Amino acid sequence: MTVDAHAFWLRAPGEGEIRPVRLDPPGDGEVLVRTRFTGVSRGTETLVFTGRVPTDQHAAMRAPFQDGDFPAPVKYGYLNVGTVEAGPAELRGRTVFCLYPHQSAYVVPAGSVVVVPDGVPAARAVLAGTVETAVNALWDAAPLVGDRVTVIGGGMVGCSVTALLARFPGVRVELVDADPGRAGVAAALGVDFALPADATGGRDLVVHASASADGLQRGLELLRPEGTVLELSWYGDRPVTLALGGAFHSRRLAIRSSQVGTVSPRRADRSYADRLAVALDLLTDPAFDALLTGRSRFTDLPDVLDRLASGRLPALCHLITYGEE
C-alpha cells in the first residue's frame, strides 16, 4: 500500500510551502521512516531559503536526498530523526537519524539511516549532522593538549565545535560572539565567553564560524605567531574582504578551510558513516541541549524559515515537531 506524507518545498526564493507526497512501500533493503523531529540548520538553510547559493556551488551544496534544483523549486534539509515503521527486522521500531529533508515520512535505503544510541533523546539527535561537521573540523584542526582556542560565532556549528573542545584535556576555550546572549550558552557548555572587542589574544587556534568578514579579521588578530584560523563559515554569494597588509605575513599566520562534504584527510581510514556514528555517540552529553533553542510544528515551517531568514526569530537549532511530540 502507498503511504501519504507531506514535505516542505521552497517554491521560490523566500516562499515555502507544504506539499503532499505519496510514497511507494519500501522494497528489499529499504526502510519506511515516520519522522519525529527535524532540525533547521539556520545558517545554511536560510541561505537556501533566500536563494543565495552561488551558481558554481549548486552541485557541491546538494543535500543527499534533495529533490529539485537551486535556487527553486527545491526540497532541502538534512537533520531528520524518525522511527522505522517498515523494513529489515533489526531496524523496525528503532529511532534513526537520516540526512533527509523536512518530510513527515520517507523511504530510503536501509544503509542511509543510523540508529540513534539509547542514551541520546530523539530531539537532541537532530544535532548529529552539525556535530558531524564539528568532528570533521577538529579532525582538520587537530588541537593539542593545552592549546588556547577561540571559537568565533556562536551559531549551531560554532557551539558544536565549542562543546567538543570543552572535552579536550587542558584546552582553554573562549566562545566569542557579538550577541551577549550567547554567554548563557557558553556557560552551559562550560567555556569562557567574550564579545569581539574583549576577546583574549595569543591564541594557538581560532575556529571561525560567524560567516562575517569582521569575524574572520578578528580571528587573525587574536592569533599568536604562526597560529591558524580554521574557517568553517559558509558565505553563500557574499564576497569577503580582509586586511592582510599588517601582521599576516610577518607573523606567518594561516587560514585553513574545513568542509563536511569530505572526510578530513587526517582520518582517511574513516568513512562518512563512521564519522556520523562518532557524532551520535558524542550526543549522549546533555550539554548539547543548550543548542536546541525553540520548537515549532511542521505545518508552521514556511513561516519559521521566513522569520529565521529575516532575523525576527533568533535561534541556534530550531526544532520542528511532527505528530504529537
Protein backbone atom coordinates (compact mmCIF):
# COMPACT_ATOMS: atom_id res chain seq x y z
CA MET A 1 0.00 0.00 0.00
CA THR A 2 1.15 3.54 -0.67
CA VAL A 3 1.74 5.93 2.22
CA ASP A 4 0.58 9.54 2.27
CA ALA A 5 3.09 12.11 3.59
CA HIS A 6 3.85 15.81 3.38
CA ALA A 7 7.09 17.64 2.54
CA PHE A 8 8.39 21.18 2.82
CA TRP A 9 9.38 22.74 -0.52
CA LEU A 10 10.94 26.07 -1.37
CA ARG A 11 8.60 27.18 -4.15
CA ALA A 12 10.63 30.31 -4.95
CA PRO A 13 13.32 32.21 -3.00
CA GLY A 14 11.67 33.38 0.20
CA GLU A 15 8.46 31.37 -0.40
CA GLY A 16 7.98 27.97 1.23
CA GLU A 17 5.02 25.59 1.17
CA ILE A 18 3.91 22.16 2.40
CA ARG A 19 3.17 19.70 -0.42
CA PRO A 20 1.55 16.25 -0.32
CA VAL A 21 3.72 13.24 -1.18
CA ARG A 22 2.69 9.68 -1.98
CA LEU A 23 5.27 7.04 -1.05
CA ASP A 24 5.61 3.58 -2.52
CA PRO A 25 6.08 0.81 0.06
CA PRO A 26 9.72 0.01 0.85
CA GLY A 27 11.39 -2.65 -1.26
CA ASP A 28 14.12 -5.09 -0.31
CA GLY A 29 16.85 -3.32 1.60
CA GLU A 30 14.75 -0.19 2.18
CA VAL A 31 13.06 1.33 5.23
CA LEU A 32 9.96 3.42 5.74
CA VAL A 33 10.66 6.09 8.38
CA ARG A 34 8.00 8.13 10.15
CA THR A 35 9.57 11.48 11.10
CA ARG A 36 9.52 12.61 14.73
CA PHE A 37 11.78 15.68 14.56
CA THR A 38 13.77 17.68 12.06
CA GLY A 39 16.18 20.49 12.78
CA VAL A 40 16.62 23.71 10.85
CA SER A 41 20.30 24.34 10.19
CA ARG A 42 19.89 28.11 10.44
CA GLY A 43 22.93 29.33 8.53
CA THR A 44 22.82 27.01 5.53
CA GLU A 45 19.06 26.67 5.27
CA THR A 46 18.38 30.40 5.39
CA LEU A 47 20.90 30.86 2.55
CA VAL A 48 18.96 28.25 0.59
CA PHE A 49 15.63 29.81 1.58
CA THR A 50 16.68 33.23 0.30
CA GLY A 51 18.14 31.84 -2.96
CA ARG A 52 21.73 32.79 -2.15
CA VAL A 53 23.56 29.58 -3.11
CA PRO A 54 26.18 30.60 -5.72
CA THR A 55 25.67 29.05 -9.15
CA ASP A 56 29.09 27.43 -9.13
CA GLN A 57 28.25 25.72 -5.82
CA HIS A 58 24.92 24.19 -6.80
CA ALA A 59 26.40 20.71 -7.15
CA ALA A 60 28.56 20.92 -4.01
CA MET A 61 25.62 22.14 -1.91
CA ARG A 62 23.19 19.38 -2.84
CA ALA A 63 21.82 17.55 0.18
CA PRO A 64 21.88 13.72 -0.01
CA PHE A 65 18.11 13.35 -0.59
CA GLN A 66 17.40 16.75 -2.12
CA ASP A 67 14.69 16.98 -4.78
CA GLY A 68 14.68 19.81 -7.30
CA ASP A 69 17.49 22.24 -8.01
CA PHE A 70 18.75 25.55 -6.67
CA PRO A 71 17.54 28.20 -6.40
CA ALA A 72 13.99 26.73 -6.55
CA PRO A 73 11.78 24.78 -6.50
CA VAL A 74 13.78 22.58 -4.16
CA LYS A 75 13.22 20.24 -1.21
CA TYR A 76 16.18 20.72 1.11
CA GLY A 77 17.30 19.72 4.59
CA TYR A 78 19.46 17.11 6.32
CA LEU A 79 18.65 16.83 10.04
CA ASN A 80 15.92 14.20 10.38
CA VAL A 81 15.10 11.80 13.23
CA GLY A 82 12.28 9.29 13.00
CA THR A 83 11.05 5.78 13.74
CA VAL A 84 11.40 2.89 11.30
CA GLU A 85 7.91 1.57 10.56
CA ALA A 86 8.79 -0.99 7.89
CA GLY A 87 11.98 -2.61 6.68
CA PRO A 88 14.55 -5.11 7.96
CA ALA A 89 13.54 -6.71 11.27
CA GLU A 90 16.60 -5.39 13.11
CA LEU A 91 15.57 -1.80 12.32
CA ARG A 92 11.79 -1.91 12.79
CA GLY A 93 10.76 0.25 15.74
CA ARG A 94 14.21 1.79 16.12
CA THR A 95 14.85 5.54 16.30
CA VAL A 96 17.16 6.57 13.47
CA PHE A 97 18.94 9.62 12.11
CA CYS A 98 18.96 10.35 8.37
CA LEU A 99 20.26 13.19 6.20
CA TYR A 100 16.75 13.70 4.87
CA PRO A 101 14.78 16.94 4.25
CA HIS A 102 11.72 18.12 6.18
CA GLN A 103 9.11 15.47 5.36
CA SER A 104 6.62 13.60 7.55
CA ALA A 105 7.58 10.14 6.24
CA TYR A 106 10.03 8.81 3.66
CA VAL A 107 11.53 5.66 2.12
CA VAL A 108 15.31 5.33 1.81
CA PRO A 109 17.90 2.54 1.57
CA ALA A 110 18.45 0.95 4.96
CA GLY A 111 22.12 1.88 4.80
CA SER A 112 21.17 5.58 4.76
CA VAL A 113 19.88 5.58 8.34
CA VAL A 114 21.93 5.35 11.53
CA VAL A 115 20.42 4.00 14.73
CA VAL A 116 20.33 6.61 17.49
CA PRO A 117 22.07 5.31 20.65
CA ASP A 118 19.78 4.57 23.59
CA GLY A 119 21.35 7.35 25.66
CA VAL A 120 20.52 10.07 23.10
CA PRO A 121 16.99 11.60 23.19
CA ALA A 122 15.36 11.78 19.75
CA ALA A 123 15.09 15.59 19.87
CA ARG A 124 18.79 16.01 20.64
CA ALA A 125 19.71 13.56 17.88
CA VAL A 126 18.76 16.11 15.18
CA LEU A 127 22.09 17.79 16.01
CA ALA A 128 24.02 14.80 14.64
CA GLY A 129 24.60 16.38 11.23
CA THR A 130 26.01 19.56 12.80
CA VAL A 131 28.11 17.72 15.37
CA GLU A 132 29.44 15.67 12.45
CA THR A 133 30.64 18.96 10.92
CA ALA A 134 32.34 19.81 14.23
CA VAL A 135 34.01 16.40 14.40
CA ASN A 136 35.41 16.87 10.91
CA ALA A 137 36.59 20.38 11.78
CA LEU A 138 38.55 19.15 14.78
CA TRP A 139 40.00 16.29 12.74
CA ASP A 140 41.25 19.02 10.39
CA ALA A 141 42.44 21.37 13.15
CA ALA A 142 43.98 18.65 15.37
CA PRO A 143 44.20 20.77 18.57
CA LEU A 144 46.84 19.77 21.09
CA VAL A 145 46.66 19.29 24.85
CA GLY A 146 47.00 22.70 26.50
CA ASP A 147 46.10 24.75 23.39
CA ARG A 148 44.43 28.15 23.76
CA VAL A 149 41.49 28.09 21.36
CA THR A 150 38.88 30.69 20.43
CA VAL A 151 35.65 29.92 18.59
CA ILE A 152 34.20 32.97 16.84
CA GLY A 153 30.50 32.68 16.06
CA GLY A 154 28.04 31.15 18.50
CA GLY A 155 25.72 29.56 15.96
CA MET A 156 24.98 25.85 15.58
CA VAL A 157 28.35 24.94 14.11
CA GLY A 158 30.38 27.21 16.38
CA CYS A 159 28.63 25.95 19.50
CA SER A 160 29.00 22.32 18.42
CA VAL A 161 32.75 22.85 17.97
CA THR A 162 32.87 24.60 21.36
CA ALA A 163 31.08 21.71 23.06
CA LEU A 164 33.65 19.24 21.71
CA LEU A 165 36.65 21.44 22.51
CA ALA A 166 35.43 21.73 26.10
CA ARG A 167 36.16 17.99 26.44
CA PHE A 168 39.82 18.29 25.39
CA PRO A 169 42.25 18.00 28.33
CA GLY A 170 43.98 21.23 29.22
CA VAL A 171 42.46 23.19 26.34
CA ARG A 172 41.31 26.70 27.29
CA VAL A 173 38.29 27.62 25.19
CA GLU A 174 36.68 31.02 24.68
CA LEU A 175 33.47 31.48 22.69
CA VAL A 176 33.27 34.90 21.01
CA ASP A 177 30.03 36.36 19.65
CA ALA A 178 28.57 39.81 19.08
CA ASP A 179 25.38 38.73 20.87
CA PRO A 180 25.86 38.92 24.67
CA GLY A 181 23.02 36.44 25.00
CA ARG A 182 25.39 33.70 23.84
CA ALA A 183 27.13 33.96 27.22
CA GLY A 184 24.45 31.68 28.64
CA VAL A 185 25.16 29.03 26.02
CA ALA A 186 28.89 29.29 26.72
CA ALA A 187 28.23 28.78 30.43
CA ALA A 188 26.09 25.71 29.70
CA LEU A 189 28.95 24.29 27.62
CA GLY A 190 31.50 25.04 30.35
CA VAL A 191 33.66 27.58 28.49
CA ASP A 192 34.50 31.29 28.73
CA PHE A 193 32.66 33.95 26.73
CA ALA A 194 33.69 37.32 25.32
CA LEU A 195 32.36 39.99 22.99
CA PRO A 196 34.65 40.55 19.97
CA ALA A 197 36.31 43.68 21.39
CA ASP A 198 37.10 41.89 24.65
CA ALA A 199 38.37 38.60 23.20
CA THR A 200 41.62 37.13 24.54
CA GLY A 201 44.66 37.25 22.26
CA GLY A 202 47.68 34.99 21.83
CA ARG A 203 45.60 32.04 20.66
CA ASP A 204 47.07 28.89 19.15
CA LEU A 205 43.94 28.19 17.12
CA VAL A 206 40.86 30.18 16.15
CA VAL A 207 37.85 28.38 14.72
CA HIS A 208 35.80 30.88 12.73
CA ALA A 209 32.08 30.25 12.20
CA SER A 210 30.45 33.69 12.22
CA ALA A 211 30.07 33.94 8.42
CA SER A 212 31.29 37.55 8.55
CA ALA A 213 34.40 39.29 7.26
CA ASP A 214 34.69 41.15 10.57
CA GLY A 215 34.72 37.86 12.46
CA LEU A 216 37.41 36.38 10.23
CA GLN A 217 39.53 39.54 10.55
CA ARG A 218 39.18 39.45 14.34
CA GLY A 219 40.24 35.81 14.32
CA LEU A 220 43.52 36.68 12.61
CA GLU A 221 44.13 39.45 15.14
CA LEU A 222 43.76 37.01 18.05
CA LEU A 223 46.39 34.52 16.86
CA ARG A 224 49.87 34.08 18.25
CA PRO A 225 52.71 33.98 15.69
CA GLU A 226 52.28 31.01 13.33
CA GLY A 227 48.76 30.42 14.62
CA THR A 228 45.91 29.16 12.41
CA VAL A 229 42.35 30.20 11.71
CA LEU A 230 40.18 27.24 10.72
CA GLU A 231 37.40 28.66 8.52
CA LEU A 232 34.03 26.91 8.85
CA SER A 233 31.76 29.71 7.63
CA TRP A 234 29.62 29.37 4.53
CA TYR A 235 29.25 32.80 2.90
CA GLY A 236 26.96 31.89 0.01
CA ASP A 237 27.31 34.50 -2.73
CA ARG A 238 28.75 37.23 -0.46
CA PRO A 239 32.34 38.41 -1.13
CA VAL A 240 34.74 38.58 1.82
CA THR A 241 37.35 41.34 2.19
CA LEU A 242 40.33 41.03 4.57
CA ALA A 243 43.15 43.38 5.52
CA LEU A 244 46.28 41.25 5.06
CA GLY A 245 48.82 44.06 4.87
CA GLY A 246 49.64 44.14 8.58
CA ALA A 247 50.93 41.22 10.63
CA PHE A 248 49.53 38.45 8.45
CA HIS A 249 52.87 37.76 6.71
CA SER A 250 55.32 38.85 9.40
CA ARG A 251 53.63 36.61 11.99
CA ARG A 252 53.27 33.75 9.47
CA LEU A 253 49.55 33.32 10.12
CA ALA A 254 47.46 30.71 8.31
CA ILE A 255 43.84 30.39 7.19
CA ARG A 256 42.65 26.86 6.52
CA SER A 257 39.24 25.76 5.29
CA SER A 258 37.21 22.79 6.50
CA GLN A 259 34.05 21.41 4.94
CA VAL A 260 31.93 18.44 5.95
CA GLY A 261 31.47 17.22 2.35
CA THR A 262 34.86 15.46 2.53
CA VAL A 263 36.16 13.39 5.43
CA SER A 264 39.30 15.05 6.79
CA PRO A 265 42.46 13.66 5.14
CA ARG A 266 43.83 13.24 8.67
CA ARG A 267 41.22 10.50 9.11
CA ALA A 268 41.40 8.90 5.67
CA ASP A 269 40.66 5.50 7.21
CA ARG A 270 37.22 6.65 8.40
CA SER A 271 34.05 6.59 6.30
CA TYR A 272 31.17 9.08 6.32
CA ALA A 273 29.17 6.51 8.33
CA ASP A 274 31.99 6.23 10.87
CA ARG A 275 32.06 9.99 11.31
CA LEU A 276 28.29 10.20 11.81
CA ALA A 277 28.40 7.36 14.34
CA VAL A 278 31.04 9.27 16.32
CA ALA A 279 28.79 12.36 16.29
CA LEU A 280 25.79 10.40 17.60
CA ASP A 281 27.84 8.83 20.39
CA LEU A 282 29.03 12.29 21.46
CA LEU A 283 25.41 13.44 21.74
CA THR A 284 24.93 11.40 24.91
CA ASP A 285 26.19 14.58 26.62
CA PRO A 286 23.16 16.62 27.80
CA ALA A 287 25.20 19.83 27.41
CA PHE A 288 24.17 19.77 23.74
CA ASP A 289 20.58 20.56 24.77
CA ALA A 290 21.73 24.18 25.04
CA LEU A 291 21.81 24.26 21.23
CA LEU A 292 18.07 23.48 20.94
CA THR A 293 16.57 26.94 21.32
CA GLY A 294 12.97 26.61 20.18
CA ARG A 295 10.41 24.35 18.54
CA SER A 296 7.54 24.68 16.08
CA ARG A 297 5.13 22.33 14.36
CA PHE A 298 5.88 21.12 10.85
CA THR A 299 2.86 22.94 9.43
CA ASP A 300 4.42 26.24 10.57
CA LEU A 301 7.78 25.62 8.85
CA PRO A 302 7.23 28.05 5.92
CA ASP A 303 6.69 30.90 8.39
CA VAL A 304 9.51 29.69 10.66
CA LEU A 305 12.06 29.80 7.85
CA ASP A 306 10.86 33.23 6.77
CA ARG A 307 11.33 34.54 10.32
CA LEU A 308 14.73 32.85 10.70
CA ALA A 309 15.95 34.31 7.40
CA SER A 310 14.82 37.84 8.35
CA GLY A 311 16.27 37.63 11.86
CA ARG A 312 12.86 38.00 13.52
CA LEU A 313 13.29 34.55 15.09
CA PRO A 314 16.68 34.15 16.79
CA ALA A 315 17.80 30.55 17.14
CA LEU A 316 20.66 28.09 17.19
CA CYS A 317 18.90 24.89 16.15
CA HIS A 318 15.15 25.33 15.78
CA LEU A 319 13.35 22.04 16.29
CA ILE A 320 10.46 21.04 14.03
CA THR A 321 7.99 18.59 15.54
CA TYR A 322 5.77 16.02 13.83
CA GLY A 323 2.80 14.25 15.31
CA GLU A 324 2.05 14.82 18.99
CA GLU A 325 5.60 15.44 20.25
